[in-house]
Amino acid sequence: MGKELRGMGDTVSGARRGRFATFFASLQGSPFVFFCFALIVSSFFKLRALNSRELWLDETYSAYLANLHFSELIRHAAGDVHPPLFYLLLWVWIRIAGDAQSQLRLFSALVSICATLAMFVLARRILGAGFGAFAAALFAFSPMLFVYSMEVRASNIALSTFSLYY
């Protein structure tokens, strides 16, 4: 009777280990599944941190410019050191989603998530699916990119673009 109980316990824990082993084997077997898992986890943490701190002065300046009338925005952006693409996109985003702190930071987080998708596509095309998923996972969990994905500044688009380039 002792052998039967021990055998049953081994079967239950073996089945439990089997489920985890199957899950991790599927991550190893399919680079796309690994990439999706990494993207979901990094997106969760980015979206969770949207209201983690107050807006900085630079971020409020971006929000101020994006709340101006379109002609005023173009006039101010022409005199700024940053290219106007970020301000134009943020102007459109504010008209769609609003100008609360979380909505402003959501724009930057979505730009970062889209850059992670672009990294996967680019690296997969150049290096293959396995290395593409690995490169995108490194990109998604980069601490520097994570911090900048929470800022409502033009540096987010620039950093994401230059990281894809290099």
Protein backbone atom coordinates (compact mmCIF):
# COMPACT_ATOMS: atom_id res chain seq x y z
CA MET A 1 0.00 0.00 0.00
CA GLY A 2 2.90 2.36 0.70
CA LYS A 3 4.24 1.83 -2.79
CA GLU A 4 0.87 2.62 -4.35
CA LEU A 5 0.51 5.92 -2.46
CA ARG A 6 4.04 6.90 -3.26
CA GLY A 7 3.43 6.04 -6.88
CA MET A 8 0.25 8.11 -6.95
CA GLY A 9 2.02 11.09 -5.43
CA ASP A 10 4.78 10.81 -8.01
CA THR A 11 2.14 10.74 -10.73
CA VAL A 12 0.47 13.93 -9.46
CA SER A 13 3.72 15.83 -9.05
CA GLY A 14 4.93 14.38 -12.35
CA ALA A 15 1.78 15.66 -14.06
CA ARG A 16 2.32 19.07 -12.50
CA ARG A 17 5.94 19.08 -13.67
CA GLY A 18 4.71 17.90 -17.05
CA ARG A 19 2.46 20.92 -17.51
CA PHE A 20 5.25 23.35 -16.67
CA ALA A 21 7.71 21.45 -18.83
CA THR A 22 5.24 21.48 -21.71
CA PHE A 23 4.70 25.22 -21.32
CA PHE A 24 8.41 26.01 -21.30
CA ALA A 25 9.06 23.55 -24.12
CA SER A 26 6.48 25.39 -26.21
CA LEU A 27 8.32 28.64 -25.49
CA GLN A 28 11.56 27.08 -26.65
CA GLY A 29 10.01 25.45 -29.69
CA SER A 30 8.31 28.52 -31.10
CA PRO A 31 10.09 31.87 -31.20
CA PHE A 32 6.79 33.60 -31.93
CA VAL A 33 5.24 32.27 -28.70
CA PHE A 34 8.32 33.39 -26.75
CA PHE A 35 8.09 36.84 -28.35
CA CYS A 36 4.36 37.13 -27.54
CA PHE A 37 4.99 36.10 -23.94
CA ALA A 38 7.78 38.70 -23.59
CA LEU A 39 5.66 41.39 -25.24
CA ILE A 40 2.67 40.72 -22.98
CA VAL A 41 4.75 40.74 -19.80
CA SER A 42 6.66 43.92 -20.71
CA SER A 43 3.44 45.64 -21.84
CA PHE A 44 1.78 44.71 -18.55
CA PHE A 45 4.55 46.37 -16.54
CA LYS A 46 4.62 49.45 -18.78
CA LEU A 47 0.87 49.92 -18.60
CA ARG A 48 0.85 49.32 -14.86
CA ALA A 49 3.42 52.08 -14.30
CA LEU A 50 1.52 54.81 -16.20
CA ASN A 51 0.64 56.76 -13.03
CA SER A 52 3.75 55.91 -11.07
CA ARG A 53 4.95 59.52 -10.81
CA GLU A 54 3.87 63.05 -11.58
CA LEU A 55 4.53 64.77 -14.89
CA TRP A 56 7.88 66.52 -15.15
CA LEU A 57 8.30 70.04 -16.49
CA ASP A 58 9.43 68.76 -19.92
CA GLU A 59 6.38 66.52 -20.09
CA THR A 60 4.01 69.33 -19.18
CA TYR A 61 5.59 71.42 -21.93
CA SER A 62 4.85 68.63 -24.42
CA ALA A 63 1.27 68.46 -23.18
CA TYR A 64 0.97 72.26 -23.39
CA LEU A 65 2.15 72.29 -27.01
CA ALA A 66 -0.11 69.41 -27.97
CA ASN A 67 -3.14 71.22 -26.48
CA LEU A 68 -2.59 74.32 -28.62
CA HIS A 69 -4.49 75.04 -31.81
CA PHE A 70 -2.86 73.28 -34.77
CA SER A 71 -1.41 76.46 -36.31
CA GLU A 72 0.01 77.52 -32.93
CA LEU A 73 1.50 74.06 -32.47
CA ILE A 74 3.28 74.29 -35.82
CA ARG A 75 4.62 77.75 -34.98
CA HIS A 76 5.96 76.66 -31.57
CA ALA A 77 7.31 73.34 -32.83
CA ALA A 78 9.21 75.10 -35.64
CA GLY A 79 11.19 77.03 -33.03
CA ASP A 80 11.85 73.99 -30.82
CA VAL A 81 15.03 71.92 -30.98
CA HIS A 82 13.04 68.69 -31.32
CA PRO A 83 11.52 67.60 -34.64
CA PRO A 84 7.77 68.31 -34.75
CA LEU A 85 6.65 64.71 -35.46
CA PHE A 86 6.21 63.85 -31.79
CA TYR A 87 4.16 66.96 -31.09
CA LEU A 88 1.97 66.35 -34.14
CA LEU A 89 1.32 62.73 -33.13
CA LEU A 90 0.66 63.77 -29.54
CA TRP A 91 -1.74 66.48 -30.81
CA VAL A 92 -3.73 63.79 -32.67
CA TRP A 93 -3.56 61.44 -29.65
CA ILE A 94 -4.95 64.09 -27.29
CA ARG A 95 -7.88 64.67 -29.64
CA ILE A 96 -8.61 60.91 -29.54
CA ALA A 97 -7.83 59.87 -25.95
CA GLY A 98 -7.68 63.03 -23.84
CA ASP A 99 -4.97 64.88 -21.97
CA ALA A 100 -4.93 63.28 -18.54
CA GLN A 101 -1.59 62.05 -17.22
CA SER A 102 -2.34 58.39 -17.85
CA GLN A 103 -3.54 59.05 -21.41
CA LEU A 104 -0.44 61.10 -22.20
CA ARG A 105 1.84 58.37 -20.90
CA LEU A 106 -0.22 55.70 -22.64
CA PHE A 107 0.80 57.26 -25.96
CA SER A 108 4.48 56.86 -25.10
CA ALA A 109 3.94 53.30 -23.86
CA LEU A 110 2.14 52.37 -27.09
CA VAL A 111 5.00 53.83 -29.13
CA SER A 112 7.39 51.63 -27.16
CA ILE A 113 5.21 48.54 -27.66
CA CYS A 114 5.02 49.21 -31.40
CA ALA A 115 8.81 49.65 -31.48
CA THR A 116 9.15 46.22 -29.84
CA LEU A 117 6.98 44.74 -32.59
CA ALA A 118 9.13 46.48 -35.19
CA MET A 119 12.27 45.11 -33.54
CA PHE A 120 10.91 41.58 -33.79
CA VAL A 121 10.02 41.96 -37.46
CA LEU A 122 13.34 43.59 -38.34
CA ALA A 123 15.53 41.15 -36.39
CA ARG A 124 13.54 38.16 -37.64
CA ARG A 125 14.08 39.29 -41.22
CA ILE A 126 17.83 39.77 -40.72
CA LEU A 127 18.77 37.08 -38.18
CA GLY A 128 15.95 34.54 -38.25
CA ALA A 129 12.97 33.86 -36.03
CA GLY A 130 14.85 32.65 -32.93
CA PHE A 131 17.25 35.57 -32.78
CA GLY A 132 14.45 37.96 -33.71
CA ALA A 133 12.41 36.88 -30.70
CA PHE A 134 15.47 37.12 -28.45
CA ALA A 135 16.38 40.60 -29.73
CA ALA A 136 12.79 41.79 -29.27
CA ALA A 137 12.72 40.39 -25.72
CA LEU A 138 15.95 42.24 -24.90
CA PHE A 139 14.45 45.38 -26.42
CA ALA A 140 11.19 44.96 -24.47
CA PHE A 141 12.93 44.48 -21.11
CA SER A 142 15.67 47.09 -21.55
CA PRO A 143 15.63 49.23 -18.38
CA MET A 144 16.55 52.40 -20.25
CA LEU A 145 13.80 51.94 -22.83
CA PHE A 146 11.34 51.12 -20.06
CA VAL A 147 12.06 54.41 -18.28
CA TYR A 148 11.82 56.44 -21.46
CA SER A 149 8.60 54.71 -22.49
CA MET A 150 6.97 56.35 -19.46
CA GLU A 151 7.96 59.89 -20.44
CA VAL A 152 5.85 62.18 -22.59
CA ARG A 153 8.82 63.53 -24.53
CA ALA A 154 10.12 63.33 -28.08
CA SER A 155 13.09 61.34 -26.81
CA ASN A 156 10.83 58.26 -26.61
CA ILE A 157 10.29 58.14 -30.37
CA ALA A 158 13.91 59.06 -31.08
CA LEU A 159 15.31 56.45 -28.69
CA SER A 160 13.03 53.73 -30.03
CA THR A 161 13.94 54.57 -33.62
CA PHE A 162 17.69 54.75 -32.99
CA SER A 163 17.58 51.51 -31.01
CA LEU A 164 15.98 49.82 -34.01
CA TYR A 165 18.61 51.32 -36.31
CA TYR A 166 21.57 50.17 -34.26
